[in-house]
Amino acid sequence: MTQPFHLAIPVQNLEISRAFYRDVLQCDEGRSSDLWVDFNFFGHQLVIHQKEDFQPQRISNPVDGHDVPVPHFGVVLTWEDWHQLSERLQANETQFIIEPTTRFRGKPGEQATMFFNDPEGNALEFKAFKDIGQLFAK
């Protein structure tokens, strides 16, 4: 069985970030304190930690014709769940770094992908494969 990962990230405004992960991404909230909040991030544990002097870096790397933000994190969703999230984010007027698109079309690893920032500038990528067997295709 694959075990969930744990990721802790800094945020300046705990309440704005809490609302984003809870309400926009619809992640269930777990334990919390005045300085951090746990979320069920699509079956994984994400913890946001308030760090008032946090300044995210703005760097990128070219991938398939797009400037992909580095670092970034996210999850691989099912094809249907990815499209539902994409529609919800678009209806919420999310400002995308890379609009929902298909990357590596017709090549090994073809995938639906989208990039956007949380309210603190942490870059997220959500992707999906019609054929999950292509996840690690060369």
C-alpha atoms as a PDB file:
ATOM      1  CA  MET A   1       0.000   0.000   0.000  1.00  0.00           C
ATOM      2  CA  THR A   2       1.238   3.492  -0.812  1.00  0.00           C
ATOM      3  CA  GLN A   3       1.506   5.685   2.254  1.00  0.00           C
ATOM      4  CA  PRO A   4       0.448   9.347   2.233  1.00  0.00           C
ATOM      5  CA  PHE A   5       3.140  12.002   2.122  1.00  0.00           C
ATOM      6  CA  HIS A   6       3.489  14.833   4.641  1.00  0.00           C
ATOM      7  CA  LEU A   7       4.312  18.356   3.486  1.00  0.00           C
ATOM      8  CA  ALA A   8       4.635  21.490   5.632  1.00  0.00           C
ATOM      9  CA  ILE A   9       4.691  24.905   3.948  1.00  0.00           C
ATOM     10  CA  PRO A  10       5.034  28.481   5.197  1.00  0.00           C
ATOM     11  CA  VAL A  11       2.295  31.093   4.908  1.00  0.00           C
ATOM     12  CA  GLN A  12       2.131  34.662   6.153  1.00  0.00           C
ATOM     13  CA  ASN A  13      -1.621  34.845   6.729  1.00  0.00           C
ATOM     14  CA  LEU A  14      -2.928  31.678   8.340  1.00  0.00           C
ATOM     15  CA  GLU A  15      -6.623  32.554   8.034  1.00  0.00           C
ATOM     16  CA  ILE A  16      -6.557  33.495   4.327  1.00  0.00           C
ATOM     17  CA  SER A  17      -4.564  30.352   3.521  1.00  0.00           C
ATOM     18  CA  ARG A  18      -6.842  28.235   5.721  1.00  0.00           C
ATOM     19  CA  ALA A  19      -9.885  29.495   3.802  1.00  0.00           C
ATOM     20  CA  PHE A  20      -8.215  28.743   0.448  1.00  0.00           C
ATOM     21  CA  TYR A  21      -7.312  25.137   1.249  1.00  0.00           C
ATOM     22  CA  ARG A  22     -10.601  24.484   3.061  1.00  0.00           C
ATOM     23  CA  ASP A  23     -13.072  26.320   0.827  1.00  0.00           C
ATOM     24  CA  VAL A  24     -11.517  26.545  -2.644  1.00  0.00           C
ATOM     25  CA  LEU A  25      -9.651  23.230  -2.762  1.00  0.00           C
ATOM     26  CA  GLN A  26     -12.203  21.606  -0.403  1.00  0.00           C
ATOM     27  CA  CYS A  27      -9.602  19.951   1.820  1.00  0.00           C
ATOM     28  CA  ASP A  28     -10.896  18.733   5.187  1.00  0.00           C
ATOM     29  CA  GLU A  29      -9.274  20.473   8.125  1.00  0.00           C
ATOM     30  CA  GLY A  30      -7.598  18.419  10.836  1.00  0.00           C
ATOM     31  CA  ARG A  31      -5.735  19.542  13.939  1.00  0.00           C
ATOM     32  CA  SER A  32      -4.690  23.158  14.338  1.00  0.00           C
ATOM     33  CA  SER A  33      -3.186  25.719  16.665  1.00  0.00           C
ATOM     34  CA  ASP A  34      -2.776  29.482  16.528  1.00  0.00           C
ATOM     35  CA  LEU A  35       0.238  29.014  14.221  1.00  0.00           C
ATOM     36  CA  TRP A  36      -0.532  25.973  12.018  1.00  0.00           C
ATOM     37  CA  VAL A  37      -3.347  23.960  10.413  1.00  0.00           C
ATOM     38  CA  ASP A  38      -3.405  20.345   9.155  1.00  0.00           C
ATOM     39  CA  PHE A  39      -5.363  19.454   6.015  1.00  0.00           C
ATOM     40  CA  ASN A  40      -6.320  16.245   4.273  1.00  0.00           C
ATOM     41  CA  PHE A  41      -4.781  17.233   0.941  1.00  0.00           C
ATOM     42  CA  PHE A  42      -6.343  14.641  -1.373  1.00  0.00           C
ATOM     43  CA  GLY A  43      -5.363  11.812   0.979  1.00  0.00           C
ATOM     44  CA  HIS A  44      -2.053  13.356   2.067  1.00  0.00           C
ATOM     45  CA  GLN A  45      -1.136  15.506   5.043  1.00  0.00           C
ATOM     46  CA  LEU A  46      -0.495  19.173   4.283  1.00  0.00           C
ATOM     47  CA  VAL A  47       0.334  21.542   7.120  1.00  0.00           C
ATOM     48  CA  ILE A  48       0.375  25.299   6.688  1.00  0.00           C
ATOM     49  CA  HIS A  49       2.605  27.103   9.192  1.00  0.00           C
ATOM     50  CA  GLN A  50       2.315  30.825   9.805  1.00  0.00           C
ATOM     51  CA  LYS A  51       5.664  32.490   9.130  1.00  0.00           C
ATOM     52  CA  GLU A  52       5.202  36.242   8.869  1.00  0.00           C
ATOM     53  CA  ASP A  53       8.498  36.944   7.086  1.00  0.00           C
ATOM     54  CA  PHE A  54       8.011  34.232   4.443  1.00  0.00           C
ATOM     55  CA  GLN A  55       8.823  35.354   0.874  1.00  0.00           C
ATOM     56  CA  PRO A  56       8.345  32.698  -1.842  1.00  0.00           C
ATOM     57  CA  GLN A  57      10.960  32.530  -4.572  1.00  0.00           C
ATOM     58  CA  ARG A  58       9.886  33.279  -8.142  1.00  0.00           C
ATOM     59  CA  ILE A  59      11.900  30.957 -10.363  1.00  0.00           C
ATOM     60  CA  SER A  60      10.865  28.657 -13.194  1.00  0.00           C
ATOM     61  CA  ASN A  61      12.089  25.946 -15.524  1.00  0.00           C
ATOM     62  CA  PRO A  62      10.990  25.446 -19.162  1.00  0.00           C
ATOM     63  CA  VAL A  63       8.818  22.330 -19.706  1.00  0.00           C
ATOM     64  CA  ASP A  64       6.971  21.614 -22.959  1.00  0.00           C
ATOM     65  CA  GLY A  65       6.783  25.285 -23.921  1.00  0.00           C
ATOM     66  CA  HIS A  66       5.762  26.645 -20.503  1.00  0.00           C
ATOM     67  CA  ASP A  67       7.694  28.266 -17.657  1.00  0.00           C
ATOM     68  CA  VAL A  68       6.956  25.870 -14.793  1.00  0.00           C
ATOM     69  CA  PRO A  69       7.340  27.401 -11.317  1.00  0.00           C
ATOM     70  CA  VAL A  70       9.925  25.744  -9.077  1.00  0.00           C
ATOM     71  CA  PRO A  71       9.333  24.657  -6.394  1.00  0.00           C
ATOM     72  CA  HIS A  72       5.744  23.482  -6.698  1.00  0.00           C
ATOM     73  CA  PHE A  73       3.619  20.676  -5.294  1.00  0.00           C
ATOM     74  CA  GLY A  74       0.278  19.049  -5.945  1.00  0.00           C
ATOM     75  CA  VAL A  75      -1.311  15.708  -6.665  1.00  0.00           C
ATOM     76  CA  VAL A  76      -2.193  13.440  -9.553  1.00  0.00           C
ATOM     77  CA  LEU A  77      -5.972  13.236  -9.750  1.00  0.00           C
ATOM     78  CA  THR A  78      -8.250  11.005 -11.752  1.00  0.00           C
ATOM     79  CA  TRP A  79      -9.181  12.394 -15.170  1.00  0.00           C
ATOM     80  CA  GLU A  80     -12.724  13.187 -13.970  1.00  0.00           C
ATOM     81  CA  ASP A  81     -11.624  14.772 -10.663  1.00  0.00           C
ATOM     82  CA  TRP A  82      -9.048  16.934 -12.495  1.00  0.00           C
ATOM     83  CA  HIS A  83     -11.727  18.295 -14.826  1.00  0.00           C
ATOM     84  CA  GLN A  84     -14.106  18.963 -11.928  1.00  0.00           C
ATOM     85  CA  LEU A  85     -11.385  20.851 -10.029  1.00  0.00           C
ATOM     86  CA  SER A  86     -10.413  22.761 -13.170  1.00  0.00           C
ATOM     87  CA  GLU A  87     -14.021  23.861 -13.688  1.00  0.00           C
ATOM     88  CA  ARG A  88     -14.402  24.852 -10.020  1.00  0.00           C
ATOM     89  CA  LEU A  89     -11.183  26.890 -10.097  1.00  0.00           C
ATOM     90  CA  GLN A  90     -12.200  28.637 -13.319  1.00  0.00           C
ATOM     91  CA  ALA A  91     -15.639  29.446 -11.866  1.00  0.00           C
ATOM     92  CA  ASN A  92     -13.808  30.846  -8.824  1.00  0.00           C
ATOM     93  CA  GLU A  93     -11.812  33.108 -11.202  1.00  0.00           C
ATOM     94  CA  THR A  94      -8.480  31.559 -10.207  1.00  0.00           C
ATOM     95  CA  GLN A  95      -5.475  33.293 -11.727  1.00  0.00           C
ATOM     96  CA  PHE A  96      -3.541  30.457 -13.360  1.00  0.00           C
ATOM     97  CA  ILE A  97       0.221  30.445 -13.842  1.00  0.00           C
ATOM     98  CA  ILE A  98      -0.379  27.848 -16.568  1.00  0.00           C
ATOM     99  CA  GLU A  99      -3.994  27.504 -17.691  1.00  0.00           C
ATOM    100  CA  PRO A 100      -5.540  24.016 -17.692  1.00  0.00           C
ATOM    101  CA  THR A 101      -4.002  22.288 -20.692  1.00  0.00           C
ATOM    102  CA  THR A 102      -2.755  18.982 -22.073  1.00  0.00           C
ATOM    103  CA  ARG A 103       1.017  18.576 -21.939  1.00  0.00           C
ATOM    104  CA  PHE A 104       3.145  16.167 -24.008  1.00  0.00           C
ATOM    105  CA  ARG A 105       0.200  15.601 -26.364  1.00  0.00           C
ATOM    106  CA  GLY A 106       0.656  12.375 -28.336  1.00  0.00           C
ATOM    107  CA  LYS A 107       3.884  11.523 -26.477  1.00  0.00           C
ATOM    108  CA  PRO A 108       4.716   9.268 -23.521  1.00  0.00           C
ATOM    109  CA  GLY A 109       3.428  10.860 -20.330  1.00  0.00           C
ATOM    110  CA  GLU A 110       0.595  12.844 -21.965  1.00  0.00           C
ATOM    111  CA  GLN A 111      -1.241  14.598 -19.137  1.00  0.00           C
ATOM    112  CA  ALA A 112      -3.744  17.252 -18.226  1.00  0.00           C
ATOM    113  CA  THR A 113      -2.097  19.882 -16.026  1.00  0.00           C
ATOM    114  CA  MET A 114      -2.674  23.282 -14.450  1.00  0.00           C
ATOM    115  CA  PHE A 115      -0.600  25.534 -12.218  1.00  0.00           C
ATOM    116  CA  PHE A 116      -1.731  28.254  -9.843  1.00  0.00           C
ATOM    117  CA  ASN A 117      -0.589  29.872  -6.590  1.00  0.00           C
ATOM    118  CA  ASP A 118      -2.184  29.677  -3.195  1.00  0.00           C
ATOM    119  CA  PRO A 119      -2.822  33.106  -1.572  1.00  0.00           C
ATOM    120  CA  GLU A 120       0.782  33.167  -0.282  1.00  0.00           C
ATOM    121  CA  GLY A 121       2.474  32.455  -3.603  1.00  0.00           C
ATOM    122  CA  ASN A 122       3.126  28.735  -3.049  1.00  0.00           C
ATOM    123  CA  ALA A 123       2.862  27.178  -6.523  1.00  0.00           C
ATOM    124  CA  LEU A 124       0.584  24.167  -6.970  1.00  0.00           C
ATOM    125  CA  GLU A 125       0.262  21.760  -9.880  1.00  0.00           C
ATOM    126  CA  PHE A 126      -2.616  19.376 -10.369  1.00  0.00           C
ATOM    127  CA  LYS A 127      -2.368  16.802 -13.114  1.00  0.00           C
ATOM    128  CA  ALA A 128      -4.196  13.758 -14.464  1.00  0.00           C
ATOM    129  CA  PHE A 129      -3.544  10.985 -16.948  1.00  0.00           C
ATOM    130  CA  LYS A 130      -6.148   9.253 -19.095  1.00  0.00           C
ATOM    131  CA  ASP A 131      -3.844   6.239 -18.680  1.00  0.00           C
ATOM    132  CA  ILE A 132      -2.287   6.277 -15.194  1.00  0.00           C
ATOM    133  CA  GLY A 133       0.243   3.760 -16.541  1.00  0.00           C
ATOM    134  CA  GLN A 134       1.846   6.759 -18.278  1.00  0.00           C
ATOM    135  CA  LEU A 135       2.744   8.396 -14.952  1.00  0.00           C
ATOM    136  CA  PHE A 136       6.394   7.313 -15.173  1.00  0.00           C
ATOM    137  CA  ALA A 137       6.555   6.672 -18.944  1.00  0.00           C
ATOM    138  CA  LYS A 138       9.881   7.455 -20.626  1.00  0.00           C
END
